[in-house]
Amino acid sequence: MEEIIMNLILHSGEVRSYSMEAIQAAKRGNIEEAKELIEKADKEQVESHKVQTSLIQNEAAGNKAEVSLLLVHAQDHLMTSMTLKDLAVELIDIHEIIQSK
């Protein structure tokens, strides 16, 4: 179980890192690089969702997971990274509009 949880943290952390890098690239005026980084974040987010889905499916099948601080931490990472990626996409769009004027 700990390995599954650590994978959730790992992939969510990558989403966060790529999203922050994308925001910085957009600030520097490099919109294409920012969009490429968001694509990488999207791929990592898919992996995060796969891990989360497996945890949910196991519980739905009657294999209840012990709720640990590590699991709560992993879920927090996932939700935070998803929010940050969505915000990064919006910020990139704004930078693109500003730079086009």
Protein backbone atom coordinates (compact mmCIF):
# COMPACT_ATOMS: atom_id res chain seq x y z
CA MET A 1 0.00 0.00 0.00
CA GLU A 2 2.79 2.44 0.83
CA GLU A 3 4.28 1.97 -2.64
CA ILE A 4 0.94 2.85 -4.23
CA ILE A 5 0.64 5.94 -2.04
CA MET A 6 4.19 7.01 -2.85
CA ASN A 7 3.41 6.71 -6.58
CA LEU A 8 0.46 9.03 -6.07
CA ILE A 9 2.71 11.54 -4.33
CA LEU A 10 5.41 11.17 -7.00
CA HIS A 11 3.14 11.75 -9.99
CA SER A 12 1.26 14.57 -8.26
CA GLY A 13 4.57 16.23 -7.44
CA GLU A 14 5.55 16.06 -11.10
CA VAL A 15 2.26 17.72 -12.07
CA ARG A 16 3.02 20.52 -9.63
CA SER A 17 6.61 20.95 -10.84
CA TYR A 18 5.71 21.00 -14.54
CA SER A 19 2.87 23.44 -13.85
CA MET A 20 5.14 25.86 -12.00
CA GLU A 21 7.77 25.58 -14.74
CA ALA A 22 5.05 26.32 -17.31
CA ILE A 23 4.00 29.48 -15.48
CA GLN A 24 7.63 30.65 -15.37
CA ALA A 25 8.07 29.94 -19.09
CA ALA A 26 4.95 31.95 -19.89
CA LYS A 27 6.24 34.84 -17.77
CA ARG A 28 9.44 34.79 -19.81
CA GLY A 29 7.35 35.00 -22.97
CA ASN A 30 7.91 31.41 -24.05
CA ILE A 31 4.32 30.28 -24.57
CA GLU A 32 5.20 27.22 -26.64
CA GLU A 33 7.51 25.91 -23.92
CA ALA A 34 4.79 26.58 -21.36
CA LYS A 35 2.26 24.58 -23.37
CA GLU A 36 4.72 21.69 -23.74
CA LEU A 37 5.23 21.66 -19.99
CA ILE A 38 1.47 21.58 -19.45
CA GLU A 39 1.31 18.56 -21.76
CA LYS A 40 3.87 16.84 -19.53
CA ALA A 41 1.82 17.80 -16.48
CA ASP A 42 -1.27 16.33 -18.16
CA LYS A 43 0.51 13.00 -18.68
CA GLU A 44 1.59 12.89 -15.04
CA GLN A 45 -1.92 13.78 -13.94
CA VAL A 46 -3.28 10.82 -15.90
CA GLU A 47 -0.85 8.59 -14.00
CA SER A 48 -1.98 10.12 -10.70
CA HIS A 49 -5.60 9.42 -11.59
CA LYS A 50 -4.77 5.82 -12.44
CA VAL A 51 -3.28 5.32 -8.98
CA GLN A 52 -6.19 7.04 -7.28
CA THR A 53 -8.69 5.02 -9.30
CA SER A 54 -7.02 1.77 -8.26
CA LEU A 55 -7.35 2.79 -4.61
CA ILE A 56 -11.02 3.64 -5.08
CA GLN A 57 -11.74 0.41 -6.97
CA ASN A 58 -10.08 -1.66 -4.26
CA GLU A 59 -12.20 -0.03 -1.61
CA ALA A 60 -15.37 -0.44 -3.69
CA ALA A 61 -14.53 -4.14 -3.98
CA GLY A 62 -14.54 -4.41 -0.20
CA ASN A 63 -10.79 -4.14 0.37
CA LYS A 64 -10.83 -1.15 2.66
CA ALA A 65 -7.55 0.71 2.93
CA GLU A 66 -6.38 1.86 6.30
CA VAL A 67 -6.61 5.64 6.26
CA SER A 68 -3.17 6.84 7.21
CA LEU A 69 -1.57 10.24 7.40
CA LEU A 70 0.48 9.25 4.35
CA LEU A 71 -2.68 8.50 2.34
CA VAL A 72 -4.22 11.82 3.37
CA HIS A 73 -0.98 13.56 2.40
CA ALA A 74 -1.02 11.85 -1.02
CA GLN A 75 -4.62 12.87 -1.64
CA ASP A 76 -3.75 16.44 -0.65
CA HIS A 77 -0.87 16.42 -3.15
CA LEU A 78 -3.21 15.20 -5.88
CA MET A 79 -5.88 17.81 -5.29
CA THR A 80 -3.36 20.65 -4.95
CA SER A 81 -1.54 19.67 -8.13
CA MET A 82 -4.80 19.47 -10.08
CA THR A 83 -5.78 22.95 -8.95
CA LEU A 84 -2.35 24.36 -9.73
CA LYS A 85 -2.34 22.85 -13.23
CA ASP A 86 -5.75 24.37 -13.97
CA LEU A 87 -4.52 27.74 -12.74
CA ALA A 88 -1.32 27.42 -14.80
CA VAL A 89 -3.36 26.87 -17.97
CA GLU A 90 -5.33 30.04 -17.26
CA LEU A 91 -2.19 32.06 -16.54
CA ILE A 92 -0.57 30.84 -19.75
CA ASP A 93 -3.67 31.92 -21.69
CA ILE A 94 -3.52 35.36 -20.08
CA HIS A 95 0.19 35.74 -20.86
CA GLU A 96 -0.46 34.68 -24.45
CA ILE A 97 -3.19 37.31 -24.83
CA ILE A 98 -1.03 40.04 -23.31
CA GLN A 99 1.96 39.15 -25.47
CA SER A 100 -0.14 39.20 -28.65
CA LYS A 101 -1.05 42.85 -28.11
